[in-house]
Amino acid sequence: MKKIQRQGRKLAPDPTRNRRVRRPVIAGNWKMHMTCAQAREFMAAFLPLVAEMPNDRDLVLAPPFTALSSMAELCKDSPVALSSQNVHWEGSGAFTGEISPSMLKEHGVTYTIVGHSEPRKYFSESDEQINHRARSSQANGLIPIVCVGESDEQRERGEAERVIRRQIEQGLEGLDADLLVVAYEPIWAIGTGKTCEAAEANRICGLIRSWVGSPDLVIQYGGSVKAGNIDQLMGMSDIDGVLVGGASLQPDSFARIANYNVA
């Protein structure tokens, strides 16, 4: 197993491993939306729309914790895998409001979103905590989707690359890059309607890949992804998928994203 190590300001992978094709991951993050009844209604409309989705990509939905049990049943025999919206690094204990890897796996969860800008902002999550969550995910057979990205103020001050590199170095230390997804989500583009230009998003994703040192690392873009820009984004050389917020709440729009077509 290859682990990402921090060596000063450089992350060094094992250079001896063979190259493999990066498989795109299309993920929808429902955030604090969707009751169980609403999730059932969504899936009834959504699943027929992705029944013939190309099999060269993975499709993931991250519902609220309360809907995981219902979604596990709804996703059986479908192309949809489940993700949690967070995970704790301990297996059990006095951690009110948290959820453990084993609790998630009981409901068929295979991915975990960690380090999203909202927990970073509202609950002051540190890169160290995010690293603990990601390590715990991998140790328990889950694939972490580790989110990184800069604020509008940081970008305006020319600090975007420094901020993202720090998040990468501290948040990914000790992780296996083969069992990992990184999501580049510029904070200023999340839920604002603003979208990072595809070429710029691709440039940052390429930098992340070079900083980690793994040509096979799967890197998503997230930030106002919608049906109208998915084909352009997925046509970029260093973007291997998307992490979708608002557009994943509508069956038609998320199905169009899942069925993206790159000419």
C-alpha atoms as a PDB file:
ATOM      1  CA  MET A   1       0.000   0.000   0.000  1.00  0.00           C
ATOM      2  CA  LYS A   2       1.372   3.368  -1.030  1.00  0.00           C
ATOM      3  CA  LYS A   3       1.066   6.131   1.545  1.00  0.00           C
ATOM      4  CA  ILE A   4       1.309   9.862   0.990  1.00  0.00           C
ATOM      5  CA  GLN A   5       4.081  11.267   3.150  1.00  0.00           C
ATOM      6  CA  ARG A   6       4.949  14.827   4.007  1.00  0.00           C
ATOM      7  CA  GLN A   7       8.606  15.588   3.291  1.00  0.00           C
ATOM      8  CA  GLY A   8       9.185  19.244   4.013  1.00  0.00           C
ATOM      9  CA  ARG A   9       7.027  20.905   1.374  1.00  0.00           C
ATOM     10  CA  LYS A  10       6.791  17.898  -0.951  1.00  0.00           C
ATOM     11  CA  LEU A  11       4.554  14.843  -0.922  1.00  0.00           C
ATOM     12  CA  ALA A  12       6.344  11.749  -2.169  1.00  0.00           C
ATOM     13  CA  PRO A  13       4.553   8.708  -3.568  1.00  0.00           C
ATOM     14  CA  ASP A  14       6.034   5.316  -4.326  1.00  0.00           C
ATOM     15  CA  PRO A  15       7.440   5.776  -7.865  1.00  0.00           C
ATOM     16  CA  THR A  16       7.485   2.030  -8.603  1.00  0.00           C
ATOM     17  CA  ARG A  17       3.768   1.379  -8.957  1.00  0.00           C
ATOM     18  CA  ASN A  18       2.086   0.863 -12.328  1.00  0.00           C
ATOM     19  CA  ARG A  19      -0.084   3.473 -13.961  1.00  0.00           C
ATOM     20  CA  ARG A  20      -3.834   2.842 -14.133  1.00  0.00           C
ATOM     21  CA  VAL A  21      -6.663   4.713 -15.817  1.00  0.00           C
ATOM     22  CA  ARG A  22      -8.393   7.286 -13.612  1.00  0.00           C
ATOM     23  CA  ARG A  23     -12.074   6.397 -13.271  1.00  0.00           C
ATOM     24  CA  PRO A  24     -14.366   9.452 -13.013  1.00  0.00           C
ATOM     25  CA  VAL A  25     -16.459   9.855  -9.864  1.00  0.00           C
ATOM     26  CA  ILE A  26     -19.695  11.845 -10.161  1.00  0.00           C
ATOM     27  CA  ALA A  27     -20.952  12.635  -6.657  1.00  0.00           C
ATOM     28  CA  GLY A  28     -23.976  14.530  -5.386  1.00  0.00           C
ATOM     29  CA  ASN A  29     -23.940  16.091  -1.922  1.00  0.00           C
ATOM     30  CA  TRP A  30     -27.485  16.667  -0.651  1.00  0.00           C
ATOM     31  CA  LYS A  31     -26.264  18.555   2.433  1.00  0.00           C
ATOM     32  CA  MET A  32     -29.172  19.240   4.848  1.00  0.00           C
ATOM     33  CA  HIS A  33     -31.860  18.491   2.274  1.00  0.00           C
ATOM     34  CA  MET A  34     -34.179  15.534   1.635  1.00  0.00           C
ATOM     35  CA  THR A  35     -36.326  13.681   4.120  1.00  0.00           C
ATOM     36  CA  CYS A  36     -36.697   9.928   3.657  1.00  0.00           C
ATOM     37  CA  ALA A  37     -39.963  10.488   1.784  1.00  0.00           C
ATOM     38  CA  GLN A  38     -38.328  13.066  -0.478  1.00  0.00           C
ATOM     39  CA  ALA A  39     -35.387  10.730  -1.103  1.00  0.00           C
ATOM     40  CA  ARG A  40     -37.758   7.979  -2.222  1.00  0.00           C
ATOM     41  CA  GLU A  41     -39.533  10.390  -4.564  1.00  0.00           C
ATOM     42  CA  PHE A  42     -36.191  11.557  -5.981  1.00  0.00           C
ATOM     43  CA  MET A  43     -34.910   8.041  -6.608  1.00  0.00           C
ATOM     44  CA  ALA A  44     -38.147   6.959  -8.292  1.00  0.00           C
ATOM     45  CA  ALA A  45     -37.607   9.704 -10.867  1.00  0.00           C
ATOM     46  CA  PHE A  46     -33.795   9.512 -11.014  1.00  0.00           C
ATOM     47  CA  LEU A  47     -32.984   5.824 -11.405  1.00  0.00           C
ATOM     48  CA  PRO A  48     -34.734   5.367 -14.778  1.00  0.00           C
ATOM     49  CA  LEU A  49     -32.740   8.340 -16.090  1.00  0.00           C
ATOM     50  CA  VAL A  50     -29.380   6.697 -15.296  1.00  0.00           C
ATOM     51  CA  ALA A  51     -30.328   3.121 -16.177  1.00  0.00           C
ATOM     52  CA  GLU A  52     -28.214   3.329 -19.342  1.00  0.00           C
ATOM     53  CA  MET A  53     -25.437   5.495 -17.944  1.00  0.00           C
ATOM     54  CA  PRO A  54     -22.037   4.559 -19.427  1.00  0.00           C
ATOM     55  CA  ASN A  55     -20.176   2.099 -17.198  1.00  0.00           C
ATOM     56  CA  ASP A  56     -16.902   4.029 -17.381  1.00  0.00           C
ATOM     57  CA  ARG A  57     -17.731   6.158 -14.329  1.00  0.00           C
ATOM     58  CA  ASP A  58     -18.859   5.850 -10.700  1.00  0.00           C
ATOM     59  CA  LEU A  59     -22.016   7.534  -9.434  1.00  0.00           C
ATOM     60  CA  VAL A  60     -22.319   8.535  -5.768  1.00  0.00           C
ATOM     61  CA  LEU A  61     -24.972  10.234  -3.626  1.00  0.00           C
ATOM     62  CA  ALA A  62     -24.415  11.655  -0.130  1.00  0.00           C
ATOM     63  CA  PRO A  63     -27.789  11.986   1.624  1.00  0.00           C
ATOM     64  CA  PRO A  64     -28.299  13.187   5.197  1.00  0.00           C
ATOM     65  CA  PHE A  65     -27.549  10.549   7.835  1.00  0.00           C
ATOM     66  CA  THR A  66     -31.281  10.118   8.506  1.00  0.00           C
ATOM     67  CA  ALA A  67     -31.894   8.977   4.917  1.00  0.00           C
ATOM     68  CA  LEU A  68     -29.032   6.474   4.674  1.00  0.00           C
ATOM     69  CA  SER A  69     -31.116   3.460   5.640  1.00  0.00           C
ATOM     70  CA  SER A  70     -33.852   4.291   3.114  1.00  0.00           C
ATOM     71  CA  MET A  71     -31.272   5.071   0.440  1.00  0.00           C
ATOM     72  CA  ALA A  72     -29.463   1.772   1.029  1.00  0.00           C
ATOM     73  CA  GLU A  73     -32.645  -0.043   0.063  1.00  0.00           C
ATOM     74  CA  LEU A  74     -33.365   2.243  -2.878  1.00  0.00           C
ATOM     75  CA  CYS A  75     -29.848   1.897  -4.296  1.00  0.00           C
ATOM     76  CA  LYS A  76     -29.816  -1.907  -4.398  1.00  0.00           C
ATOM     77  CA  ASP A  77     -29.193  -3.229  -7.908  1.00  0.00           C
ATOM     78  CA  SER A  78     -28.570   0.312  -9.160  1.00  0.00           C
ATOM     79  CA  PRO A  79     -25.412   2.144 -10.284  1.00  0.00           C
ATOM     80  CA  VAL A  80     -25.613   4.480  -7.271  1.00  0.00           C
ATOM     81  CA  ALA A  81     -23.100   4.138  -4.421  1.00  0.00           C
ATOM     82  CA  LEU A  82     -23.624   5.866  -1.083  1.00  0.00           C
ATOM     83  CA  SER A  83     -21.445   8.397   0.689  1.00  0.00           C
ATOM     84  CA  SER A  84     -21.749   9.985   4.096  1.00  0.00           C
ATOM     85  CA  GLN A  85     -21.358  13.730   4.549  1.00  0.00           C
ATOM     86  CA  ASN A  86     -18.822  13.269   7.342  1.00  0.00           C
ATOM     87  CA  VAL A  87     -17.353  10.597   9.639  1.00  0.00           C
ATOM     88  CA  HIS A  88     -15.627  10.517  13.018  1.00  0.00           C
ATOM     89  CA  TRP A  89     -12.182   9.030  13.496  1.00  0.00           C
ATOM     90  CA  GLU A  90     -13.154   6.966  16.555  1.00  0.00           C
ATOM     91  CA  GLY A  91     -15.085   3.718  16.335  1.00  0.00           C
ATOM     92  CA  SER A  92     -17.341   4.573  19.287  1.00  0.00           C
ATOM     93  CA  GLY A  93     -17.475   6.807  22.338  1.00  0.00           C
ATOM     94  CA  ALA A  94     -18.895   9.973  23.853  1.00  0.00           C
ATOM     95  CA  PHE A  95     -18.953  12.053  20.666  1.00  0.00           C
ATOM     96  CA  THR A  96     -22.411  13.586  20.539  1.00  0.00           C
ATOM     97  CA  GLY A  97     -23.646  14.298  17.040  1.00  0.00           C
ATOM     98  CA  GLU A  98     -20.913  12.260  15.322  1.00  0.00           C
ATOM     99  CA  ILE A  99     -21.075   8.988  13.383  1.00  0.00           C
ATOM    100  CA  SER A 100     -18.556   6.157  13.154  1.00  0.00           C
ATOM    101  CA  PRO A 101     -17.281   4.238  10.130  1.00  0.00           C
ATOM    102  CA  SER A 102     -18.934   0.998  11.272  1.00  0.00           C
ATOM    103  CA  MET A 103     -22.300   2.749  11.603  1.00  0.00           C
ATOM    104  CA  LEU A 104     -21.965   3.963   8.018  1.00  0.00           C
ATOM    105  CA  LYS A 105     -20.865   0.606   6.629  1.00  0.00           C
ATOM    106  CA  GLU A 106     -23.918  -1.012   8.207  1.00  0.00           C
ATOM    107  CA  HIS A 107     -25.971   0.997   5.702  1.00  0.00           C
ATOM    108  CA  GLY A 108     -23.843   0.153   2.688  1.00  0.00           C
ATOM    109  CA  VAL A 109     -21.861   3.412   2.631  1.00  0.00           C
ATOM    110  CA  THR A 110     -18.627   3.209   0.622  1.00  0.00           C
ATOM    111  CA  TYR A 111     -17.497   6.872   0.457  1.00  0.00           C
ATOM    112  CA  THR A 112     -17.162   9.638   3.036  1.00  0.00           C
ATOM    113  CA  ILE A 113     -17.005  13.387   2.377  1.00  0.00           C
ATOM    114  CA  VAL A 114     -14.501  15.050   4.703  1.00  0.00           C
ATOM    115  CA  GLY A 115     -13.125  18.573   4.866  1.00  0.00           C
ATOM    116  CA  HIS A 116     -16.029  20.243   3.095  1.00  0.00           C
ATOM    117  CA  SER A 117     -15.847  24.030   3.327  1.00  0.00           C
ATOM    118  CA  GLU A 118     -19.040  24.228   5.395  1.00  0.00           C
ATOM    119  CA  PRO A 119     -17.757  22.179   8.372  1.00  0.00           C
ATOM    120  CA  ARG A 120     -14.447  24.001   8.001  1.00  0.00           C
ATOM    121  CA  LYS A 121     -16.280  27.334   8.216  1.00  0.00           C
ATOM    122  CA  TYR A 122     -19.118  26.668  10.665  1.00  0.00           C
ATOM    123  CA  PHE A 123     -17.404  24.170  12.980  1.00  0.00           C
ATOM    124  CA  SER A 124     -13.778  25.302  12.612  1.00  0.00           C
ATOM    125  CA  GLU A 125     -12.548  21.933  11.412  1.00  0.00           C
ATOM    126  CA  SER A 126      -8.773  21.852  11.122  1.00  0.00           C
ATOM    127  CA  ASP A 127      -6.639  20.072   8.538  1.00  0.00           C
ATOM    128  CA  GLU A 128      -5.482  17.763  11.343  1.00  0.00           C
ATOM    129  CA  GLN A 129      -9.061  16.743  12.176  1.00  0.00           C
ATOM    130  CA  ILE A 130      -9.822  16.238   8.504  1.00  0.00           C
ATOM    131  CA  ASN A 131      -6.759  14.019   8.190  1.00  0.00           C
ATOM    132  CA  HIS A 132      -7.962  11.928  11.156  1.00  0.00           C
ATOM    133  CA  ARG A 133     -11.373  11.512   9.511  1.00  0.00           C
ATOM    134  CA  ALA A 134      -9.825  10.515   6.186  1.00  0.00           C
ATOM    135  CA  ARG A 135      -7.382   8.071   7.783  1.00  0.00           C
ATOM    136  CA  SER A 136     -10.188   6.473   9.773  1.00  0.00           C
ATOM    137  CA  SER A 137     -12.223   6.124   6.587  1.00  0.00           C
ATOM    138  CA  GLN A 138      -9.448   4.278   4.780  1.00  0.00           C
ATOM    139  CA  ALA A 139      -8.631   2.121   7.801  1.00  0.00           C
ATOM    140  CA  ASN A 140     -12.251   0.952   7.777  1.00  0.00           C
ATOM    141  CA  GLY A 141     -12.517   0.276   4.068  1.00  0.00           C
ATOM    142  CA  LEU A 142     -14.202   3.558   3.093  1.00  0.00           C
ATOM    143  CA  ILE A 143     -13.005   5.941   0.377  1.00  0.00           C
ATOM    144  CA  PRO A 144     -12.669   9.532   1.606  1.00  0.00           C
ATOM    145  CA  ILE A 145     -13.533  12.436  -0.666  1.00  0.00           C
ATOM    146  CA  VAL A 146     -11.260  15.108   0.810  1.00  0.00           C
ATOM    147  CA  CYS A 147     -12.336  18.655  -0.050  1.00  0.00           C
ATOM    148  CA  VAL A 148      -9.894  21.520  -0.464  1.00  0.00           C
ATOM    149  CA  GLY A 149     -10.280  25.065  -1.743  1.00  0.00           C
ATOM    150  CA  GLU A 150      -9.682  28.752  -1.187  1.00  0.00           C
ATOM    151  CA  SER A 151     -11.982  31.617  -0.223  1.00  0.00           C
ATOM    152  CA  ASP A 152     -12.642  34.651  -2.407  1.00  0.00           C
ATOM    153  CA  GLU A 153     -10.465  36.778  -0.111  1.00  0.00           C
ATOM    154  CA  GLN A 154      -7.576  34.307  -0.285  1.00  0.00           C
ATOM    155  CA  ARG A 155      -7.748  34.211  -4.070  1.00  0.00           C
ATOM    156  CA  GLU A 156      -7.861  38.010  -4.278  1.00  0.00           C
ATOM    157  CA  ARG A 157      -4.724  38.200  -2.112  1.00  0.00           C
ATOM    158  CA  GLY A 158      -2.927  35.725  -4.375  1.00  0.00           C
ATOM    159  CA  GLU A 159      -2.890  33.048  -1.655  1.00  0.00           C
ATOM    160  CA  ALA A 160      -4.955  30.353  -3.371  1.00  0.00           C
ATOM    161  CA  GLU A 161      -2.109  28.004  -4.210  1.00  0.00           C
ATOM    162  CA  ARG A 162      -0.470  28.359  -0.794  1.00  0.00           C
ATOM    163  CA  VAL A 163      -3.746  27.645   1.011  1.00  0.00           C
ATOM    164  CA  ILE A 164      -4.616  24.618  -1.107  1.00  0.00           C
ATOM    165  CA  ARG A 165      -1.109  23.196  -0.844  1.00  0.00           C
ATOM    166  CA  ARG A 166      -1.251  23.459   2.955  1.00  0.00           C
ATOM    167  CA  GLN A 167      -4.620  21.679   2.971  1.00  0.00           C
ATOM    168  CA  ILE A 168      -3.165  18.957   0.745  1.00  0.00           C
ATOM    169  CA  GLU A 169       0.017  18.460   2.737  1.00  0.00           C
ATOM    170  CA  GLN A 170      -1.673  18.366   6.132  1.00  0.00           C
ATOM    171  CA  GLY A 171      -4.985  16.792   5.152  1.00  0.00           C
ATOM    172  CA  LEU A 172      -3.640  13.932   3.028  1.00  0.00           C
ATOM    173  CA  GLU A 173      -0.619  12.891   5.077  1.00  0.00           C
ATOM    174  CA  GLY A 174      -0.455   9.133   5.540  1.00  0.00           C
ATOM    175  CA  LEU A 175      -3.296   8.362   3.122  1.00  0.00           C
ATOM    176  CA  ASP A 176      -3.264   5.791   0.339  1.00  0.00           C
ATOM    177  CA  ALA A 177      -3.692   7.755  -2.897  1.00  0.00           C
ATOM    178  CA  ASP A 178      -5.195   4.687  -4.622  1.00  0.00           C
ATOM    179  CA  LEU A 179      -8.144   4.737  -2.208  1.00  0.00           C
ATOM    180  CA  LEU A 180      -8.767   8.463  -2.218  1.00  0.00           C
ATOM    181  CA  VAL A 181     -10.666  11.177  -4.063  1.00  0.00           C
ATOM    182  CA  VAL A 182      -9.697  14.847  -3.755  1.00  0.00           C
ATOM    183  CA  ALA A 183     -12.346  17.467  -4.523  1.00  0.00           C
ATOM    184  CA  TYR A 184     -11.191  20.945  -5.454  1.00  0.00           C
ATOM    185  CA  GLU A 185     -14.000  23.269  -4.375  1.00  0.00           C
ATOM    186  CA  PRO A 186     -13.208  26.975  -4.519  1.00  0.00           C
ATOM    187  CA  ILE A 187     -15.297  28.288  -1.645  1.00  0.00           C
ATOM    188  CA  TRP A 188     -16.332  31.385  -3.568  1.00  0.00           C
ATOM    189  CA  ALA A 189     -18.011  29.176  -6.197  1.00  0.00           C
ATOM    190  CA  ILE A 190     -20.042  26.971  -3.829  1.00  0.00           C
ATOM    191  CA  GLY A 191     -23.738  27.776  -3.933  1.00  0.00           C
ATOM    192  CA  THR A 192     -23.093  31.235  -5.334  1.00  0.00           C
ATOM    193  CA  GLY A 193     -23.823  30.626  -8.989  1.00  0.00           C
ATOM    194  CA  LYS A 194     -20.221  31.614  -9.745  1.00  0.00           C
ATOM    195  CA  THR A 195     -18.197  28.959 -11.516  1.00  0.00           C
ATOM    196  CA  CYS A 196     -14.453  28.740 -11.699  1.00  0.00           C
ATOM    197  CA  GLU A 197     -13.473  28.813 -15.368  1.00  0.00           C
ATOM    198  CA  ALA A 198     -12.880  25.273 -16.587  1.00  0.00           C
ATOM    199  CA  ALA A 199      -9.297  26.016 -17.626  1.00  0.00           C
ATOM    200  CA  GLU A 200      -8.481  27.492 -14.204  1.00  0.00           C
ATOM    201  CA  ALA A 201     -10.138  24.601 -12.370  1.00  0.00           C
ATOM    202  CA  ASN A 202      -8.122  22.214 -14.525  1.00  0.00           C
ATOM    203  CA  ARG A 203      -4.903  24.103 -13.724  1.00  0.00           C
ATOM    204  CA  ILE A 204      -5.488  23.837  -9.978  1.00  0.00           C
ATOM    205  CA  CYS A 205      -6.405  20.144 -10.242  1.00  0.00           C
ATOM    206  CA  GLY A 206      -3.156  19.596 -12.143  1.00  0.00           C
ATOM    207  CA  LEU A 207      -1.212  21.366  -9.401  1.00  0.00           C
ATOM    208  CA  ILE A 208      -2.866  19.177  -6.760  1.00  0.00           C
ATOM    209  CA  ARG A 209      -1.871  16.074  -8.703  1.00  0.00           C
ATOM    210  CA  SER A 210       1.737  17.272  -8.937  1.00  0.00           C
ATOM    211  CA  TRP A 211       1.874  18.189  -5.230  1.00  0.00           C
ATOM    212  CA  VAL A 212       0.620  14.745  -4.238  1.00  0.00           C
ATOM    213  CA  GLY A 213       2.909  13.149  -6.785  1.00  0.00           C
ATOM    214  CA  SER A 214       0.358  10.583  -7.961  1.00  0.00           C
ATOM    215  CA  PRO A 215      -0.622  10.626 -11.653  1.00  0.00           C
ATOM    216  CA  ASP A 216      -3.506   8.266 -10.852  1.00  0.00           C
ATOM    217  CA  LEU A 217      -5.113  10.337  -8.094  1.00  0.00           C
ATOM    218  CA  VAL A 218      -8.804  10.980  -8.822  1.00  0.00           C
ATOM    219  CA  ILE A 219      -9.537  14.714  -8.546  1.00  0.00           C
ATOM    220  CA  GLN A 220     -13.015  16.218  -8.728  1.00  0.00           C
ATOM    221  CA  TYR A 221     -14.104  19.785  -9.285  1.00  0.00           C
ATOM    222  CA  GLY A 222     -16.978  21.228  -7.250  1.00  0.00           C
ATOM    223  CA  GLY A 223     -18.594  24.640  -7.219  1.00  0.00           C
ATOM    224  CA  SER A 224     -21.836  25.514  -9.041  1.00  0.00           C
ATOM    225  CA  VAL A 225     -21.556  22.442 -11.275  1.00  0.00           C
ATOM    226  CA  LYS A 226     -24.669  22.107 -13.419  1.00  0.00           C
ATOM    227  CA  ALA A 227     -26.011  20.479 -16.564  1.00  0.00           C
ATOM    228  CA  GLY A 228     -24.866  23.429 -18.645  1.00  0.00           C
ATOM    229  CA  ASN A 229     -21.157  23.163 -17.794  1.00  0.00           C
ATOM    230  CA  ILE A 230     -20.600  19.476 -17.050  1.00  0.00           C
ATOM    231  CA  ASP A 231     -19.434  18.490 -20.542  1.00  0.00           C
ATOM    232  CA  GLN A 232     -16.826  21.237 -20.641  1.00  0.00           C
ATOM    233  CA  LEU A 233     -15.552  20.410 -17.152  1.00  0.00           C
ATOM    234  CA  MET A 234     -15.297  16.695 -17.861  1.00  0.00           C
ATOM    235  CA  GLY A 235     -13.413  17.441 -21.061  1.00  0.00           C
ATOM    236  CA  MET A 236     -10.510  18.860 -19.047  1.00  0.00           C
ATOM    237  CA  SER A 237      -7.353  16.760 -18.757  1.00  0.00           C
ATOM    238  CA  ASP A 238      -6.987  16.870 -14.967  1.00  0.00           C
ATOM    239  CA  ILE A 239     -10.647  16.852 -13.844  1.00  0.00           C
ATOM    240  CA  ASP A 240     -11.792  13.308 -13.076  1.00  0.00           C
ATOM    241  CA  GLY A 241     -15.284  13.979 -11.807  1.00  0.00           C
ATOM    242  CA  VAL A 242     -17.435  16.473  -9.972  1.00  0.00           C
ATOM    243  CA  LEU A 243     -18.867  17.033  -6.509  1.00  0.00           C
ATOM    244  CA  VAL A 244     -22.317  18.534  -7.057  1.00  0.00           C
ATOM    245  CA  GLY A 245     -24.432  20.473  -4.572  1.00  0.00           C
ATOM    246  CA  GLY A 246     -27.685  22.143  -5.575  1.00  0.00           C
ATOM    247  CA  ALA A 247     -27.947  20.517  -8.994  1.00  0.00           C
ATOM    248  CA  SER A 248     -27.931  17.063  -7.374  1.00  0.00           C
ATOM    249  CA  LEU A 249     -31.298  17.796  -5.718  1.00  0.00           C
ATOM    250  CA  GLN A 250     -33.160  17.693  -9.027  1.00  0.00           C
ATOM    251  CA  PRO A 251     -33.429  14.277 -10.743  1.00  0.00           C
ATOM    252  CA  ASP A 252     -33.306  15.685 -14.287  1.00  0.00           C
ATOM    253  CA  SER A 253     -30.286  17.937 -13.730  1.00  0.00           C
ATOM    254  CA  PHE A 254     -28.262  15.374 -11.802  1.00  0.00           C
ATOM    255  CA  ALA A 255     -29.064  12.686 -14.365  1.00  0.00           C
ATOM    256  CA  ARG A 256     -27.771  14.967 -17.112  1.00  0.00           C
ATOM    257  CA  ILE A 257     -24.589  15.465 -15.097  1.00  0.00           C
ATOM    258  CA  ALA A 258     -24.219  11.715 -14.529  1.00  0.00           C
ATOM    259  CA  ASN A 259     -24.733  11.098 -18.248  1.00  0.00           C
ATOM    260  CA  TYR A 260     -22.178  13.718 -19.314  1.00  0.00           C
ATOM    261  CA  ASN A 261     -20.786  13.353 -22.787  1.00  0.00           C
ATOM    262  CA  VAL A 262     -17.316  14.413 -23.829  1.00  0.00           C
ATOM    263  CA  ALA A 263     -16.976  14.552 -27.597  1.00  0.00           C
END
